[in-house]
Amino acid sequence: MDLFPRAQKSYIPVYKPFHIDVDKGKGVYLYDKDGTCYLDFLAGIAVNALGYQHPAINEAILKQVKRNLHLSNYFVQDVQVDLAERLLALTPFSKLFFTNSGTEAIEGLLKLVKKWGNEHNKKEIIAFSGSFHGRSLGALSITMQEKHQKHFLPLLPNIIEVPFDDTAAFEAAINENTLAVFYEGITGEGGVRPVSRFMLEAMKAGRDQYGYLLIADEIQTGVGRTGSFYYYEQTGLIPDAIATAKGLGGGLPLGAFLVNEKLQDVFLSGQHGTTYGGNPLACATGLATVEIISQKLFLDRIQQKGSYFKGLLYELANDFSDIVSDVRGEGLMLGVEVRNNALDIMDTAFKNGLLFNIAGGNTLRFIPPLIIEQSDIDTAYEKIRLTFKSLFR
């Protein structure tokens, strides 16, 4: 029986997968069981930061497998502490908590800020239109997209929605009761939209005036994706805490939230926890990933490759100005907004051997492994142009 009918019989139908029976991955390519290869500019939705079968990841897995796979939070192991110390050394934060995913990192931060707010008599949390922070009920409460929220009401109270990048609306919404502002420096599922410096300045000024917390969702923008280890480094705004995941585990489930001194002692013993968070195997691959990506030369190369790819996408926008309305993003997190036919473009590109997905309804999102070379970008661009020509010329 074919794989996909079997999956339909077994799975709750929440996904729409590509019809490719994946056999293996190597480098920046996926191969199906017939040997057909696909250039992967989706990278497991930004998870496979070092691509497939990276030797450092494989070595870390084999080394840790010989030790143990799981210990629980009754134990501490060196590989976990090594990764924690490395992340804190790379950032201005003082402590962290490991999770399995980005959604869990957001949930932990929601609990943390709500407890802090109860201690400081603040209740309102601000989130922005088009944001995406996860699908669990807490994270969904600050994911300000009606299509995601409408079937699961009521959600958490005291959530204030502010239009994306609208500084006047933001300044009108904040006050002494504002507890926290959750934001993405560049939206992921919201369409690869960078927050303007004007909004960043407004958020900083508001924090100075009202003393709320700034919480950056770096789940997709982090771990080198935009050309700095975390995107906030490019903005001049240091948040009070960040959520990180996606590429952090090098392909295994791993997330974390990192907090500053103001928040490091809010949770007391037993007030938060996780069974699998900080799993030694995931921490081992995470440590290998962080050691490679955090190198300045590696980050510089991400910026160079991202600029090169973005330049090609601007050429596409110029040649197909009737179809493409915008090109945006940083590093290797880039989006091409089209006026229509986004799904047709994605499906046709898939048939041409290129994988990417759609974000924000009509934005082609390109988040390839960070190890891509210029030749891979050239190949991807050829496939994109072939796709556009076949559909629109």
Protein backbone atom coordinates (compact mmCIF):
# COMPACT_ATOMS: atom_id res chain seq x y z
CA MET A 1 0.00 0.00 0.00
CA ASP A 2 1.29 3.47 -0.92
CA LEU A 3 2.81 5.47 1.95
CA PHE A 4 0.45 8.44 1.80
CA PRO A 5 -2.86 6.53 2.02
CA ARG A 6 -1.34 4.66 4.98
CA ALA A 7 -0.48 7.96 6.63
CA GLN A 8 -3.99 9.30 6.01
CA LYS A 9 -5.46 6.26 7.73
CA SER A 10 -3.20 6.72 10.77
CA TYR A 11 -2.71 10.47 11.25
CA ILE A 12 -5.07 13.17 12.47
CA PRO A 13 -5.33 15.27 9.29
CA VAL A 14 -3.63 18.53 10.28
CA TYR A 15 -0.75 18.50 7.75
CA LYS A 16 -0.50 18.79 3.98
CA PRO A 17 2.82 17.09 3.22
CA PHE A 18 4.81 17.15 0.02
CA HIS A 19 4.25 13.90 -1.86
CA ILE A 20 7.84 12.72 -1.64
CA ASP A 21 8.75 9.41 -0.03
CA VAL A 22 12.02 10.58 1.53
CA ASP A 23 14.75 7.98 1.78
CA LYS A 24 17.66 10.11 3.00
CA GLY A 25 19.19 13.54 3.18
CA LYS A 26 22.72 14.55 2.29
CA GLY A 27 24.12 18.06 2.56
CA VAL A 28 21.43 20.40 1.24
CA TYR A 29 19.53 17.74 -0.72
CA LEU A 30 16.75 15.27 0.05
CA TYR A 31 16.46 12.03 -1.94
CA ASP A 32 13.34 9.97 -2.47
CA LYS A 33 13.32 6.18 -2.72
CA ASP A 34 13.56 6.39 -6.51
CA GLY A 35 16.76 8.42 -6.23
CA THR A 36 15.22 11.74 -7.28
CA CYS A 37 16.91 14.64 -5.49
CA TYR A 38 15.36 17.86 -4.21
CA LEU A 39 17.28 20.99 -3.29
CA ASP A 40 15.97 21.78 0.19
CA PHE A 41 15.33 25.46 0.88
CA LEU A 42 12.95 24.58 3.71
CA ALA A 43 15.43 22.73 5.97
CA GLY A 44 12.80 21.12 8.17
CA ILE A 45 11.32 24.62 8.70
CA ALA A 46 14.72 26.09 9.67
CA VAL A 47 15.60 23.13 11.93
CA ASN A 48 18.34 21.47 9.85
CA ALA A 49 20.73 24.39 10.18
CA LEU A 50 23.74 22.30 9.17
CA GLY A 51 21.88 20.30 6.55
CA TYR A 52 21.81 16.51 6.49
CA GLN A 53 24.50 14.07 7.62
CA HIS A 54 26.84 16.79 8.84
CA PRO A 55 29.91 15.02 10.25
CA ALA A 56 29.98 17.06 13.46
CA ILE A 57 26.33 16.21 14.18
CA ASN A 58 26.84 12.54 13.41
CA GLU A 59 29.92 12.40 15.63
CA ALA A 60 28.08 14.08 18.52
CA ILE A 61 25.19 11.59 18.21
CA LEU A 62 27.43 8.54 18.17
CA LYS A 63 29.47 9.78 21.13
CA GLN A 64 26.40 10.52 23.25
CA VAL A 65 24.58 7.31 22.30
CA LYS A 66 27.39 5.38 23.93
CA ARG A 67 26.75 7.28 27.18
CA ASN A 68 22.96 7.60 27.53
CA LEU A 69 19.88 8.87 25.74
CA HIS A 70 17.90 10.23 28.67
CA LEU A 71 18.46 10.96 32.35
CA SER A 72 15.55 13.22 33.50
CA ASN A 73 15.83 16.41 35.50
CA TYR A 74 16.93 14.48 38.59
CA PHE A 75 20.40 14.54 37.02
CA VAL A 76 22.76 17.06 35.47
CA GLN A 77 25.22 16.02 32.76
CA ASP A 78 28.26 17.83 31.42
CA VAL A 79 26.96 18.14 27.85
CA GLN A 80 23.89 20.03 29.09
CA VAL A 81 25.94 22.44 31.21
CA ASP A 82 28.47 22.92 28.41
CA LEU A 83 25.70 24.00 26.04
CA ALA A 84 24.09 26.25 28.64
CA GLU A 85 27.38 27.97 29.39
CA ARG A 86 28.10 28.42 25.68
CA LEU A 87 24.72 30.03 24.99
CA LEU A 88 25.00 32.36 27.96
CA ALA A 89 28.54 33.32 26.94
CA LEU A 90 27.23 34.28 23.50
CA THR A 91 24.44 36.47 24.90
CA PRO A 92 23.84 39.07 27.64
CA PHE A 93 21.51 36.73 29.53
CA SER A 94 22.27 35.19 32.90
CA LYS A 95 20.28 31.93 33.09
CA LEU A 96 18.27 29.63 30.85
CA PHE A 97 15.81 26.75 30.84
CA PHE A 98 15.92 23.98 28.25
CA THR A 99 12.75 22.85 26.47
CA ASN A 100 11.88 20.48 23.63
CA SER A 101 10.50 23.10 21.25
CA GLY A 102 9.89 26.75 20.55
CA THR A 103 6.27 26.52 21.63
CA GLU A 104 7.35 25.15 25.02
CA ALA A 105 9.86 27.98 25.35
CA ILE A 106 7.06 30.49 24.75
CA GLU A 107 4.81 28.70 27.25
CA GLY A 108 7.56 28.83 29.88
CA LEU A 109 8.07 32.53 29.26
CA LEU A 110 4.34 33.21 29.52
CA LYS A 111 4.30 31.56 32.93
CA LEU A 112 7.42 33.42 33.97
CA VAL A 113 6.18 36.87 32.95
CA LYS A 114 2.73 36.28 34.44
CA LYS A 115 4.29 35.42 37.79
CA TRP A 116 6.54 38.48 37.54
CA GLY A 117 3.49 40.56 36.62
CA ASN A 118 1.55 39.35 39.65
CA GLU A 119 4.45 40.51 41.80
CA HIS A 120 4.52 43.92 40.08
CA ASN A 121 0.77 44.50 39.64
CA LYS A 122 0.86 44.31 35.83
CA LYS A 123 -1.49 42.16 33.74
CA GLU A 124 -1.63 43.12 30.05
CA ILE A 125 0.48 41.38 27.41
CA ILE A 126 0.89 42.96 23.99
CA ALA A 127 1.27 40.91 20.80
CA PHE A 128 1.26 42.02 17.18
CA SER A 129 -1.06 41.26 14.29
CA GLY A 130 0.28 38.51 12.07
CA SER A 131 2.55 37.12 14.77
CA PHE A 132 3.10 33.41 15.27
CA HIS A 133 4.42 32.02 18.56
CA GLY A 134 3.08 28.45 18.58
CA ARG A 135 -0.08 26.35 18.64
CA SER A 136 -0.55 25.40 22.30
CA LEU A 137 -3.22 27.44 24.07
CA GLY A 138 -0.86 29.86 25.77
CA ALA A 139 1.30 30.44 22.70
CA LEU A 140 -1.84 30.58 20.55
CA SER A 141 -3.17 33.39 22.75
CA ILE A 142 -0.37 35.65 21.49
CA THR A 143 -0.43 34.28 17.92
CA MET A 144 -2.50 37.08 16.48
CA GLN A 145 -3.93 35.40 13.40
CA GLU A 146 -7.67 34.75 13.32
CA LYS A 147 -7.33 31.57 11.25
CA HIS A 148 -5.28 30.00 14.03
CA GLN A 149 -7.27 31.33 16.99
CA LYS A 150 -10.94 31.33 16.01
CA HIS A 151 -11.74 27.66 16.69
CA PHE A 152 -10.14 27.59 20.14
CA LEU A 153 -11.68 30.52 21.98
CA PRO A 154 -11.65 31.65 24.71
CA LEU A 155 -7.89 32.00 25.04
CA LEU A 156 -5.83 33.72 27.74
CA PRO A 157 -7.28 37.02 28.97
CA ASN A 158 -5.50 40.39 29.05
CA ILE A 159 -3.90 39.99 25.62
CA ILE A 160 -3.81 43.26 23.66
CA GLU A 161 -3.42 43.06 19.88
CA VAL A 162 -1.53 45.88 18.19
CA PRO A 163 -1.25 46.19 14.38
CA PHE A 164 2.12 45.06 13.07
CA ASP A 165 4.73 47.84 12.98
CA ASP A 166 2.19 50.56 13.86
CA THR A 167 4.09 52.77 16.30
CA ALA A 168 1.17 55.11 16.96
CA ALA A 169 -1.15 52.23 17.88
CA PHE A 170 1.57 50.70 20.04
CA GLU A 171 2.22 53.91 21.94
CA ALA A 172 -1.52 54.29 22.52
CA ALA A 173 -1.78 50.73 23.88
CA ILE A 174 1.03 50.74 26.46
CA ASN A 175 0.55 51.99 30.01
CA GLU A 176 1.42 51.23 33.63
CA ASN A 177 -0.59 47.99 33.41
CA THR A 178 1.49 46.64 30.51
CA LEU A 179 3.26 43.51 31.68
CA ALA A 180 5.14 42.33 28.59
CA VAL A 181 5.53 42.77 24.85
CA PHE A 182 6.12 39.60 22.83
CA TYR A 183 7.57 40.22 19.38
CA GLU A 184 9.41 38.63 16.46
CA GLY A 185 12.22 40.76 15.03
CA ILE A 186 11.32 39.21 11.67
CA THR A 187 8.01 37.40 11.47
CA GLY A 188 8.23 33.74 10.43
CA GLU A 189 4.78 32.36 9.67
CA GLY A 190 3.60 35.96 9.36
CA GLY A 191 5.40 36.43 6.05
CA VAL A 192 9.09 37.27 6.71
CA ARG A 193 8.38 40.87 7.74
CA PRO A 194 11.15 42.72 9.64
CA VAL A 195 10.10 45.08 12.41
CA SER A 196 11.14 48.65 11.59
CA ARG A 197 13.69 50.54 13.67
CA PHE A 198 10.92 52.99 14.55
CA MET A 199 8.92 50.25 16.26
CA LEU A 200 12.03 48.91 17.97
CA GLU A 201 12.73 52.39 19.32
CA ALA A 202 9.12 52.72 20.47
CA MET A 203 9.29 49.39 22.32
CA LYS A 204 12.53 50.43 24.03
CA ALA A 205 11.16 53.86 24.98
CA GLY A 206 7.99 52.27 26.34
CA ARG A 207 10.00 49.87 28.48
CA ASP A 208 12.00 52.77 29.87
CA GLN A 209 8.80 54.64 30.71
CA TYR A 210 6.53 51.86 32.00
CA GLY A 211 8.91 49.11 33.10
CA TYR A 212 7.36 46.25 31.14
CA LEU A 213 9.25 43.21 29.85
CA LEU A 214 10.41 42.81 26.26
CA ILE A 215 10.32 39.18 25.11
CA ALA A 216 11.88 38.36 21.73
CA ASP A 217 10.76 35.27 19.86
CA GLU A 218 14.03 34.15 18.22
CA ILE A 219 12.74 30.67 17.43
CA GLN A 220 13.14 31.09 13.68
CA THR A 221 15.50 34.08 13.49
CA GLY A 222 18.04 32.66 15.94
CA VAL A 223 21.08 30.37 15.76
CA GLY A 224 22.68 32.20 12.85
CA ARG A 225 19.67 32.24 10.55
CA THR A 226 19.85 36.01 9.86
CA GLY A 227 23.63 36.38 9.89
CA SER A 228 24.11 37.12 13.58
CA PHE A 229 23.76 34.44 16.22
CA TYR A 230 20.51 36.04 17.39
CA TYR A 231 18.70 38.66 15.38
CA TYR A 232 18.34 41.14 18.26
CA GLU A 233 22.10 41.73 17.91
CA GLN A 234 21.36 43.59 14.65
CA THR A 235 18.62 45.79 16.11
CA GLY A 236 20.28 47.65 18.98
CA LEU A 237 17.50 46.45 21.30
CA ILE A 238 18.37 43.92 24.01
CA PRO A 239 15.24 42.13 25.25
CA ASP A 240 14.69 40.87 28.78
CA ALA A 241 14.32 37.30 27.54
CA ILE A 242 14.33 35.30 24.33
CA ALA A 243 12.82 32.04 23.14
CA THR A 244 15.04 29.90 20.93
CA ALA A 245 14.62 26.54 19.19
CA LYS A 246 14.44 25.39 15.52
CA GLY A 247 18.11 25.15 14.47
CA LEU A 248 19.39 24.96 18.05
CA GLY A 249 19.34 21.15 18.18
CA GLY A 250 20.94 20.60 14.79
CA GLY A 251 17.99 18.42 13.77
CA LEU A 252 16.89 17.06 17.16
CA PRO A 253 14.12 18.57 19.33
CA LEU A 254 15.66 21.29 21.49
CA GLY A 255 14.59 24.73 22.64
CA ALA A 256 15.32 27.10 25.48
CA PHE A 257 14.38 30.39 27.01
CA LEU A 258 17.13 32.72 28.18
CA VAL A 259 16.47 35.47 30.74
CA ASN A 260 18.29 38.43 32.25
CA GLU A 261 19.03 39.01 35.94
CA LYS A 262 15.64 40.62 36.47
CA LEU A 263 13.90 37.32 35.66
CA GLN A 264 16.42 34.67 36.66
CA ASP A 265 14.98 34.05 40.14
CA VAL A 266 11.24 34.39 39.44
CA PHE A 267 10.56 30.64 39.32
CA LEU A 268 11.02 28.75 42.57
CA SER A 269 11.64 25.02 42.90
CA GLY A 270 8.80 22.98 41.41
CA GLN A 271 7.10 25.91 39.64
CA HIS A 272 8.18 24.81 36.17
CA GLY A 273 9.61 21.66 34.65
CA THR A 274 9.86 19.26 31.72
CA THR A 275 10.53 15.57 31.28
CA TYR A 276 12.56 15.69 28.07
CA GLY A 277 13.77 19.29 27.90
CA GLY A 278 17.55 19.40 27.80
CA ASN A 279 17.74 15.79 26.66
CA PRO A 280 21.46 14.84 26.63
CA LEU A 281 21.39 13.62 23.03
CA ALA A 282 19.76 16.84 21.80
CA CYS A 283 22.17 18.91 23.89
CA ALA A 284 25.09 17.05 22.32
CA THR A 285 23.95 17.90 18.79
CA GLY A 286 23.03 21.38 20.01
CA LEU A 287 26.53 21.97 21.34
CA ALA A 288 28.08 20.80 18.07
CA THR A 289 25.73 23.08 16.14
CA VAL A 290 26.38 26.14 18.29
CA GLU A 291 30.16 25.69 18.18
CA ILE A 292 30.10 25.76 14.38
CA ILE A 293 27.49 28.45 13.74
CA SER A 294 28.74 30.90 16.39
CA GLN A 295 32.09 31.30 14.63
CA LYS A 296 32.43 34.78 13.15
CA LEU A 297 33.58 33.50 9.77
CA PHE A 298 30.54 31.21 9.53
CA LEU A 299 28.16 34.07 10.44
CA ASP A 300 29.88 36.40 7.98
CA ARG A 301 29.38 33.82 5.26
CA ILE A 302 25.65 33.65 6.06
CA GLN A 303 25.41 37.40 5.54
CA GLN A 304 27.35 37.19 2.27
CA LYS A 305 25.29 34.31 0.91
CA GLY A 306 22.07 35.95 2.03
CA SER A 307 22.98 39.21 0.29
CA TYR A 308 23.84 37.31 -2.88
CA PHE A 309 20.56 35.39 -2.86
CA LYS A 310 18.58 38.52 -2.05
CA GLY A 311 20.15 40.28 -5.02
CA LEU A 312 19.00 37.48 -7.31
CA LEU A 313 15.50 37.66 -5.84
CA TYR A 314 15.44 41.39 -6.57
CA GLU A 315 16.24 40.50 -10.20
CA LEU A 316 13.29 38.12 -10.15
CA ALA A 317 11.08 40.88 -8.74
CA ASN A 318 12.19 43.23 -11.51
CA ASP A 319 11.63 40.71 -14.28
CA PHE A 320 8.25 39.59 -12.89
CA SER A 321 7.04 42.88 -11.41
CA ASP A 322 3.46 41.98 -12.27
CA ILE A 323 3.73 38.94 -9.98
CA VAL A 324 6.23 39.87 -7.24
CA SER A 325 5.27 42.68 -4.88
CA ASP A 326 8.16 42.57 -2.37
CA VAL A 327 11.44 40.93 -1.38
CA ARG A 328 12.45 41.02 2.28
CA GLY A 329 14.33 39.33 5.10
CA GLU A 330 17.88 39.04 6.40
CA GLY A 331 20.64 36.48 6.00
CA LEU A 332 19.20 33.13 4.95
CA MET A 333 15.66 33.95 6.04
CA LEU A 334 14.20 35.52 2.92
CA GLY A 335 10.71 36.00 1.55
CA VAL A 336 9.26 36.86 -1.84
CA GLU A 337 5.74 38.21 -1.63
CA VAL A 338 3.64 37.47 -4.68
CA ARG A 339 0.30 38.98 -5.66
CA ASN A 340 -1.31 35.61 -6.34
CA ASN A 341 -0.65 31.95 -7.18
CA ALA A 342 1.71 31.34 -4.24
CA LEU A 343 0.64 27.71 -3.85
CA ASP A 344 0.93 27.08 -7.59
CA ILE A 345 4.47 28.48 -7.49
CA MET A 346 5.41 26.26 -4.54
CA ASP A 347 3.91 23.14 -6.15
CA THR A 348 5.56 23.79 -9.52
CA ALA A 349 8.93 24.46 -7.90
CA PHE A 350 8.56 21.14 -6.07
CA LYS A 351 8.07 19.40 -9.42
CA ASN A 352 11.22 21.21 -10.61
CA GLY A 353 13.17 19.82 -7.66
CA LEU A 354 13.16 22.77 -5.24
CA LEU A 355 11.57 22.73 -1.79
CA PHE A 356 10.31 25.81 0.07
CA ASN A 357 7.00 26.79 1.63
CA ILE A 358 4.48 29.60 1.96
CA ALA A 359 4.24 31.99 4.91
CA GLY A 360 1.77 34.76 5.61
CA GLY A 361 -0.61 33.55 2.91
CA ASN A 362 1.30 34.75 -0.16
CA THR A 363 5.02 34.90 0.68
CA LEU A 364 7.47 32.35 -0.70
CA ARG A 365 9.73 31.61 2.28
CA PHE A 366 13.33 30.51 1.74
CA ILE A 367 15.09 29.14 4.84
CA PRO A 368 17.76 26.75 3.52
CA PRO A 369 20.47 25.00 5.53
CA LEU A 370 23.10 27.53 6.56
CA ILE A 371 25.79 25.46 4.84
CA ILE A 372 24.56 26.20 1.31
CA GLU A 373 27.14 27.43 -1.16
CA GLN A 374 26.77 30.06 -3.87
CA SER A 375 26.41 27.26 -6.43
CA ASP A 376 23.40 25.93 -4.49
CA ILE A 377 21.85 29.39 -4.54
CA ASP A 378 22.45 29.62 -8.29
CA THR A 379 20.77 26.25 -8.79
CA ALA A 380 17.80 27.28 -6.64
CA TYR A 381 17.44 30.54 -8.53
CA GLU A 382 17.46 28.72 -11.87
CA LYS A 383 14.65 26.50 -10.62
CA ILE A 384 12.70 29.53 -9.34
CA ARG A 385 13.02 31.30 -12.69
CA LEU A 386 12.02 28.12 -14.52
CA THR A 387 8.96 27.90 -12.29
CA PHE A 388 7.95 31.52 -12.90
CA LYS A 389 8.46 31.24 -16.66
CA SER A 390 6.38 28.07 -16.88
CA LEU A 391 3.52 29.66 -14.94
CA PHE A 392 3.53 33.29 -16.08
CA ARG A 393 5.19 33.61 -19.48
